[in-house]
Amino acid sequence: MPTREYDASEYLETPEDIAGYLNAVMEEMGEDDDPRLLMMALRDVVKARGGVSALARETGLNRAALSRALSGQRVPRLDTLSKLSAACGVKLRFSA
């Protein structure tokens, strides 16, 4: 039986799907894990929302800078996270 690589972006159709996925990643990260993991998850979300070029146009972020941010090789900036989350239909929130 042939197998296929799992692609999370295929299942991120609604803002609720996206929020659930990102919240699950945040829970998996815990307090001590690297925040770049969140950017790698956002890469899946961006792919589901039309790709880097489409989100760069929507957010006003530079396409190359957005690609670097989503690579998981950099710690994300708050303004980048905020713009990306808004463009993907979700909000950043804090809870106790």
Protein backbone atom coordinates (compact mmCIF):
# COMPACT_ATOMS: atom_id res chain seq x y z
CA MET A 1 0.00 0.00 0.00
CA PRO A 2 1.55 3.33 -1.00
CA THR A 3 2.04 5.92 1.72
CA ARG A 4 1.90 9.66 1.51
CA GLU A 5 3.68 12.25 3.62
CA TYR A 6 1.39 14.04 6.08
CA ASP A 7 0.80 17.68 5.20
CA ALA A 8 -0.97 19.61 7.98
CA SER A 9 -1.83 22.44 5.59
CA GLU A 10 -4.35 20.19 3.85
CA TYR A 11 -6.49 20.18 7.01
CA LEU A 12 -6.39 23.88 7.86
CA GLU A 13 -9.52 25.13 6.14
CA THR A 14 -11.16 27.41 8.70
CA PRO A 15 -9.97 29.90 11.32
CA GLU A 16 -11.12 27.37 13.93
CA ASP A 17 -8.90 24.68 12.35
CA ILE A 18 -5.97 27.09 12.33
CA ALA A 19 -6.52 28.18 15.95
CA GLY A 20 -6.77 24.56 17.10
CA TYR A 21 -3.59 23.60 15.26
CA LEU A 22 -1.58 26.55 16.59
CA ASN A 23 -2.87 26.01 20.13
CA ALA A 24 -1.84 22.35 19.95
CA VAL A 25 1.65 23.38 18.81
CA MET A 26 1.89 25.89 21.67
CA GLU A 27 0.87 23.22 24.18
CA GLU A 28 3.44 20.79 22.76
CA MET A 29 6.13 23.45 22.95
CA GLY A 30 5.71 23.95 26.67
CA GLU A 31 7.47 26.74 28.49
CA ASP A 32 11.07 25.87 27.66
CA ASP A 33 10.85 24.95 23.98
CA ASP A 34 12.05 27.08 21.15
CA PRO A 35 9.50 29.62 19.81
CA ARG A 36 10.79 28.93 16.29
CA LEU A 37 8.62 25.81 16.38
CA LEU A 38 5.60 28.10 16.25
CA MET A 39 6.94 29.71 13.08
CA MET A 40 7.33 26.29 11.50
CA ALA A 41 3.66 25.59 12.33
CA LEU A 42 2.72 28.99 10.90
CA ARG A 43 4.47 27.89 7.70
CA ASP A 44 1.80 25.17 7.40
CA VAL A 45 -0.90 27.77 8.00
CA VAL A 46 0.56 30.13 5.40
CA LYS A 47 0.68 27.28 2.88
CA ALA A 48 -3.00 26.57 3.57
CA ARG A 49 -3.85 30.26 3.11
CA GLY A 50 -2.30 30.59 -0.35
CA GLY A 51 1.43 30.67 0.27
CA VAL A 52 4.10 33.14 1.22
CA SER A 53 3.53 35.53 -1.68
CA ALA A 54 -0.19 35.85 -0.98
CA LEU A 55 0.33 36.44 2.75
CA ALA A 56 3.18 38.87 2.10
CA ARG A 57 0.84 40.97 -0.04
CA GLU A 58 -1.94 40.75 2.54
CA THR A 59 0.26 41.63 5.53
CA GLY A 60 2.57 44.13 3.86
CA LEU A 61 5.58 42.08 4.95
CA ASN A 62 8.51 41.57 2.61
CA ARG A 63 8.19 38.16 0.92
CA ALA A 64 11.84 37.22 1.47
CA ALA A 65 11.73 38.31 5.12
CA LEU A 66 8.52 36.36 5.63
CA SER A 67 10.10 33.26 4.12
CA ARG A 68 13.07 33.60 6.47
CA ALA A 69 10.77 34.07 9.47
CA LEU A 70 8.79 30.96 8.55
CA SER A 71 11.92 28.87 8.07
CA GLY A 72 12.15 28.18 11.79
CA GLN A 73 15.73 29.44 11.83
CA ARG A 74 14.88 32.72 13.55
CA VAL A 75 13.06 33.68 16.70
CA PRO A 76 9.80 35.34 15.63
CA ARG A 77 9.14 39.03 16.23
CA LEU A 78 5.88 39.95 17.91
CA ASP A 79 4.80 42.26 15.08
CA THR A 80 5.38 39.48 12.54
CA LEU A 81 3.32 37.04 14.63
CA SER A 82 0.57 39.60 15.03
CA LYS A 83 0.33 40.39 11.31
CA LEU A 84 0.44 36.72 10.32
CA SER A 85 -2.17 35.67 12.83
CA ALA A 86 -4.53 38.45 11.75
CA ALA A 87 -4.10 37.52 8.08
CA CYS A 88 -4.89 33.90 8.95
CA GLY A 89 -8.07 34.80 10.80
CA VAL A 90 -6.85 34.12 14.34
CA LYS A 91 -5.82 36.31 17.29
CA LEU A 92 -2.91 36.14 19.69
CA ARG A 93 -4.16 35.70 23.24
CA PHE A 94 -2.85 35.19 26.72
CA SER A 95 -4.37 33.02 29.40
CA ALA A 96 -3.60 32.17 33.00
